[in-house]
Amino acid sequence: MKECEELVSNTKVAISIVTYNSQHIFKVLDNLKKEFGQESPFRFIIFDNNSTEEYKTRLKEYLNFVDITFYQENKGFGFGHNYNLLQATEKYFLVFNPDIILVREDLLKMIELIDRDESIALLVPKVLNSDGTTQHLMRERISVFDYALRFIPFQFVKKLFTKRLSSYELRNIANDRDVDILFGSGCFMLLRGDDYKEVGGFDERYFMYFEDNDICRELKKRNKRIVYTPFSQVVHYYERGSHKNSNLFKIFIKF
């Protein structure tokens, strides 16, 4: 870990968070302050998609730790991250959901891995629920049918397609080595800054959902590697807005 510390001391990372009344953000920011403090290699940037005034007031309490843009309308996930990152000068960009708990050491290991292998454009860790079980957010293919299966509330339907869903979600992926994958989850992505800029960041035509699949596809077109590393992990509270909000579910169905 000493080697990781020395590497990061000379490696700049822009950590981008996009919020919209996100219920876990204050717990997340408190954790980040504890893990990272005021270290210069890490720059934390928040883009707020026009949350409530009460929410924005609470966010302002963290202005000594993060840079915050309060936007006048909700422009979506991709727009917010592009606003934060396309003009950033750091070597690496971390796309970071407002419901992620990160331990500093796990990020250091990811930075060490991507820094020593220039063929890797995007790196994702193991993603866990708060109870320690694994979230299966990576994808083997793009399929509207398979994607919809994950949102169907009827368990008997899912049981009919257990094998297909397991393949789609890479449930049997190796956990003893780094693995090249096709599609990683946008909840936590470490990207090489130059590669992010080369593809123009996220496609802002996707308000939310599928923009992570799209950026992975664009990187693959350029023969860039997308890699899953099981040796780093994060906890994802997984707000899953489309399950709780009918308007968001309509957006999901539209795309």
Protein backbone atom coordinates (compact mmCIF):
# COMPACT_ATOMS: atom_id res chain seq x y z
CA MET A 1 0.00 0.00 0.00
CA LYS A 2 2.96 2.32 0.49
CA GLU A 3 3.60 2.14 -3.28
CA CYS A 4 -0.05 3.09 -3.90
CA GLU A 5 0.28 6.09 -1.59
CA GLU A 6 3.38 7.29 -3.45
CA LEU A 7 1.68 6.83 -6.83
CA VAL A 8 -1.44 8.76 -5.84
CA SER A 9 0.59 11.62 -4.41
CA ASN A 10 1.56 12.40 -8.01
CA THR A 11 -1.70 11.38 -9.72
CA LYS A 12 -4.62 13.79 -9.95
CA VAL A 13 -8.17 12.44 -9.80
CA ALA A 14 -11.41 14.38 -10.42
CA ILE A 15 -14.30 12.74 -8.56
CA SER A 16 -17.66 13.70 -10.08
CA ILE A 17 -21.00 13.31 -8.28
CA VAL A 18 -24.37 14.24 -9.80
CA THR A 19 -27.24 14.75 -7.35
CA TYR A 20 -30.95 15.32 -7.37
CA ASN A 21 -32.38 15.21 -3.85
CA SER A 22 -30.33 12.05 -3.29
CA GLN A 23 -31.18 10.66 0.11
CA HIS A 24 -27.73 9.23 0.94
CA ILE A 25 -25.50 12.09 -0.23
CA PHE A 26 -24.78 13.58 3.19
CA LYS A 27 -23.73 10.24 4.63
CA VAL A 28 -21.62 9.72 1.50
CA LEU A 29 -19.91 13.11 1.81
CA ASP A 30 -19.20 12.58 5.51
CA ASN A 31 -17.56 9.28 4.63
CA LEU A 32 -15.47 10.87 1.87
CA LYS A 33 -14.28 13.60 4.22
CA LYS A 34 -13.23 10.94 6.72
CA GLU A 35 -11.46 8.81 4.10
CA PHE A 36 -9.80 11.55 2.04
CA GLY A 37 -9.76 14.76 4.06
CA GLN A 38 -8.30 17.69 2.13
CA GLU A 39 -5.76 15.71 0.09
CA SER A 40 -4.66 17.62 -3.00
CA PRO A 41 -4.59 14.66 -5.47
CA PHE A 42 -8.37 14.32 -5.19
CA ARG A 43 -10.84 16.99 -6.33
CA PHE A 44 -14.49 16.41 -5.47
CA ILE A 45 -17.05 18.02 -7.77
CA ILE A 46 -20.82 18.00 -7.29
CA PHE A 47 -23.36 18.94 -9.95
CA ASP A 48 -26.80 19.48 -8.44
CA ASN A 49 -29.74 19.00 -10.81
CA ASN A 50 -32.00 21.66 -9.25
CA SER A 51 -32.81 19.91 -5.96
CA THR A 52 -35.04 21.49 -3.32
CA GLU A 53 -33.88 24.65 -1.56
CA GLU A 54 -33.58 22.79 1.74
CA TYR A 55 -31.40 20.15 0.10
CA LYS A 56 -29.17 22.77 -1.54
CA THR A 57 -28.75 24.57 1.76
CA ARG A 58 -27.48 21.38 3.36
CA LEU A 59 -25.10 20.77 0.45
CA LYS A 60 -23.57 24.22 0.93
CA GLU A 61 -22.27 23.05 4.32
CA TYR A 62 -19.72 20.98 2.37
CA LEU A 63 -18.34 23.81 0.23
CA ASN A 64 -15.06 23.70 2.15
CA PHE A 65 -14.59 20.15 0.87
CA VAL A 66 -16.23 20.00 -2.58
CA ASP A 67 -16.83 22.26 -5.58
CA ILE A 68 -20.58 22.52 -6.22
CA THR A 69 -22.54 23.71 -9.25
CA PHE A 70 -26.21 24.44 -8.52
CA TYR A 71 -27.92 24.17 -11.91
CA GLN A 72 -31.27 25.81 -12.63
CA GLU A 73 -32.92 22.70 -14.10
CA ASN A 74 -32.59 18.93 -14.07
CA LYS A 75 -30.52 18.02 -17.12
CA GLY A 76 -29.84 14.40 -16.21
CA PHE A 77 -26.94 12.13 -15.25
CA GLY A 78 -24.78 12.45 -18.36
CA PHE A 79 -25.08 16.22 -18.65
CA GLY A 80 -24.02 16.68 -15.04
CA HIS A 81 -20.93 14.50 -15.30
CA ASN A 82 -19.93 16.08 -18.61
CA TYR A 83 -20.29 19.53 -17.05
CA ASN A 84 -17.98 18.43 -14.23
CA LEU A 85 -15.42 16.53 -16.29
CA LEU A 86 -15.09 17.56 -19.94
CA GLN A 87 -13.03 20.61 -18.98
CA ALA A 88 -11.23 18.90 -16.09
CA THR A 89 -7.45 18.58 -16.32
CA GLU A 90 -6.88 15.63 -13.97
CA LYS A 91 -5.38 12.42 -15.35
CA TYR A 92 -8.24 10.24 -14.11
CA PHE A 93 -11.98 10.81 -13.71
CA LEU A 94 -14.12 8.96 -11.19
CA VAL A 95 -17.85 8.82 -11.97
CA PHE A 96 -19.36 8.41 -8.54
CA ASN A 97 -23.01 7.91 -7.57
CA PRO A 98 -24.39 9.87 -4.60
CA ASP A 99 -25.22 6.58 -2.86
CA ILE A 100 -21.73 5.00 -2.79
CA ILE A 101 -19.60 4.28 0.27
CA LEU A 102 -15.92 4.09 -0.64
CA VAL A 103 -12.89 3.09 1.39
CA ARG A 104 -9.79 5.04 0.36
CA GLU A 105 -7.59 1.95 -0.01
CA ASP A 106 -9.95 0.45 -2.60
CA LEU A 107 -9.62 3.51 -4.83
CA LEU A 108 -5.85 3.54 -4.44
CA LYS A 109 -5.64 -0.04 -5.69
CA MET A 110 -7.77 0.84 -8.72
CA ILE A 111 -5.58 3.83 -9.53
CA GLU A 112 -2.48 1.67 -9.29
CA LEU A 113 -3.99 -0.88 -11.69
CA ILE A 114 -5.15 1.58 -14.37
CA ASP A 115 -1.91 3.57 -14.09
CA ARG A 116 0.31 0.60 -14.86
CA ASP A 117 -1.75 -0.62 -17.85
CA GLU A 118 -2.41 2.07 -20.45
CA SER A 119 -4.71 -0.22 -22.44
CA ILE A 120 -7.37 0.11 -19.71
CA ALA A 121 -9.73 3.02 -20.34
CA LEU A 122 -12.37 2.18 -17.74
CA LEU A 123 -12.19 0.22 -14.50
CA VAL A 124 -15.04 -0.94 -12.26
CA PRO A 125 -14.87 -2.64 -8.84
CA LYS A 126 -17.00 -5.25 -7.12
CA VAL A 127 -20.23 -3.56 -6.02
CA LEU A 128 -21.86 -4.69 -2.78
CA ASN A 129 -25.16 -4.13 -1.01
CA SER A 130 -24.98 -2.76 2.52
CA ASP A 131 -25.38 -6.33 3.85
CA GLY A 132 -22.26 -7.48 1.98
CA THR A 133 -24.04 -9.36 -0.81
CA THR A 134 -23.01 -8.69 -4.40
CA GLN A 135 -24.91 -6.42 -6.75
CA HIS A 136 -24.82 -7.75 -10.28
CA LEU A 137 -24.65 -4.54 -12.31
CA MET A 138 -22.25 -5.45 -15.12
CA ARG A 139 -23.66 -6.59 -18.44
CA GLU A 140 -22.74 -9.26 -20.95
CA ARG A 141 -24.82 -7.70 -23.74
CA ILE A 142 -27.28 -4.92 -24.53
CA SER A 143 -30.79 -6.31 -24.49
CA VAL A 144 -34.03 -4.48 -23.75
CA PHE A 145 -35.71 -7.77 -22.85
CA ASP A 146 -33.02 -8.73 -20.34
CA TYR A 147 -32.91 -5.21 -18.91
CA ALA A 148 -36.68 -5.23 -18.43
CA LEU A 149 -36.49 -8.62 -16.70
CA ARG A 150 -34.53 -7.01 -13.87
CA PHE A 151 -37.33 -4.52 -13.24
CA ILE A 152 -40.24 -6.95 -13.40
CA PRO A 153 -41.60 -7.36 -9.83
CA PHE A 154 -42.94 -10.88 -10.45
CA GLN A 155 -40.48 -13.46 -9.13
CA PHE A 156 -42.12 -16.35 -10.98
CA VAL A 157 -41.29 -14.61 -14.28
CA LYS A 158 -37.66 -14.16 -13.25
CA LYS A 159 -37.42 -17.83 -12.28
CA LEU A 160 -38.45 -18.81 -15.79
CA PHE A 161 -35.43 -16.93 -17.13
CA THR A 162 -32.93 -17.59 -14.32
CA LYS A 163 -30.18 -18.91 -16.57
CA ARG A 164 -30.60 -16.13 -19.10
CA LEU A 165 -30.60 -13.43 -16.41
CA SER A 166 -27.54 -14.96 -14.76
CA SER A 167 -25.64 -14.80 -18.04
CA TYR A 168 -26.76 -11.23 -18.72
CA GLU A 169 -25.68 -10.04 -15.26
CA LEU A 170 -22.35 -11.91 -15.28
CA ARG A 171 -23.25 -13.64 -12.02
CA ASN A 172 -20.53 -16.25 -12.51
CA ILE A 173 -17.70 -13.84 -13.29
CA ALA A 174 -14.31 -14.79 -11.83
CA ASN A 175 -13.46 -13.15 -8.52
CA ASP A 176 -9.84 -14.19 -8.29
CA ARG A 177 -8.50 -12.10 -11.19
CA ASP A 178 -9.16 -8.95 -13.21
CA VAL A 179 -11.57 -9.62 -16.10
CA ASP A 180 -12.26 -7.77 -19.35
CA ILE A 181 -15.98 -7.02 -19.69
CA LEU A 182 -18.25 -5.32 -22.22
CA PHE A 183 -20.38 -3.08 -20.01
CA GLY A 184 -19.68 -1.69 -16.54
CA SER A 185 -22.06 0.16 -14.23
CA GLY A 186 -22.16 3.95 -14.13
CA CYS A 187 -22.57 3.90 -10.36
CA PHE A 188 -18.77 3.83 -9.99
CA MET A 189 -16.40 4.12 -12.94
CA LEU A 190 -12.72 5.06 -12.90
CA LEU A 191 -11.83 6.40 -16.36
CA ARG A 192 -8.73 7.65 -18.06
CA GLY A 193 -9.44 11.35 -18.59
CA ASP A 194 -8.17 11.48 -22.17
CA ASP A 195 -10.37 8.54 -23.17
CA TYR A 196 -13.44 10.12 -21.59
CA LYS A 197 -12.81 13.30 -23.56
CA GLU A 198 -12.08 11.41 -26.78
CA VAL A 199 -15.60 9.91 -26.81
CA GLY A 200 -17.15 13.21 -25.74
CA GLY A 201 -18.14 11.95 -22.31
CA PHE A 202 -21.65 10.61 -21.81
CA ASP A 203 -24.24 10.95 -24.56
CA GLU A 204 -26.56 13.58 -23.12
CA ARG A 205 -29.49 12.35 -25.20
CA TYR A 206 -29.88 9.73 -22.47
CA PHE A 207 -31.47 11.59 -19.56
CA MET A 208 -30.76 8.57 -17.37
CA TYR A 209 -30.31 4.82 -17.94
CA PHE A 210 -28.14 3.30 -20.70
CA GLU A 211 -25.62 6.17 -20.80
CA ASP A 212 -23.12 3.89 -19.06
CA ASN A 213 -23.70 1.17 -21.66
CA ASP A 214 -23.27 3.74 -24.41
CA ILE A 215 -19.92 5.09 -23.17
CA CYS A 216 -18.62 1.53 -22.81
CA ARG A 217 -19.66 0.80 -26.39
CA GLU A 218 -17.92 3.94 -27.64
CA LEU A 219 -14.71 3.01 -25.84
CA LYS A 220 -14.88 -0.52 -27.27
CA LYS A 221 -15.19 0.92 -30.79
CA ARG A 222 -11.78 2.48 -30.17
CA ASN A 223 -10.32 -0.84 -28.96
CA LYS A 224 -10.13 0.37 -25.37
CA ARG A 225 -10.34 -2.10 -22.51
CA ILE A 226 -13.07 -2.11 -19.86
CA VAL A 227 -11.99 -4.12 -16.85
CA TYR A 228 -13.64 -5.47 -13.72
CA THR A 229 -11.39 -5.82 -10.68
CA PRO A 230 -12.69 -7.88 -7.75
CA PHE A 231 -9.81 -6.71 -5.56
CA SER A 232 -11.52 -3.36 -4.88
CA GLN A 233 -15.07 -2.93 -3.69
CA VAL A 234 -17.67 -0.27 -2.88
CA VAL A 235 -21.02 -0.33 -1.11
CA HIS A 236 -23.92 0.91 -3.23
CA TYR A 237 -27.20 1.79 -1.53
CA TYR A 238 -28.86 1.56 -4.94
CA GLU A 239 -31.69 4.10 -4.83
CA ARG A 240 -33.22 2.68 -8.03
CA GLY A 241 -35.36 5.73 -8.70
CA SER A 242 -37.42 4.11 -11.45
CA HIS A 243 -38.83 1.64 -8.95
CA LYS A 244 -40.08 4.42 -6.68
CA ASN A 245 -41.07 7.18 -9.07
CA SER A 246 -43.56 6.72 -11.90
CA ASN A 247 -42.04 9.54 -13.99
CA LEU A 248 -38.58 7.97 -13.81
CA PHE A 249 -40.02 4.58 -14.71
CA LYS A 250 -41.55 6.15 -17.82
CA ILE A 251 -38.11 7.47 -18.74
CA PHE A 252 -36.68 3.97 -18.34
CA ILE A 253 -39.41 2.47 -20.55
CA LYS A 254 -38.88 5.19 -23.18
CA PHE A 255 -35.18 4.40 -23.52
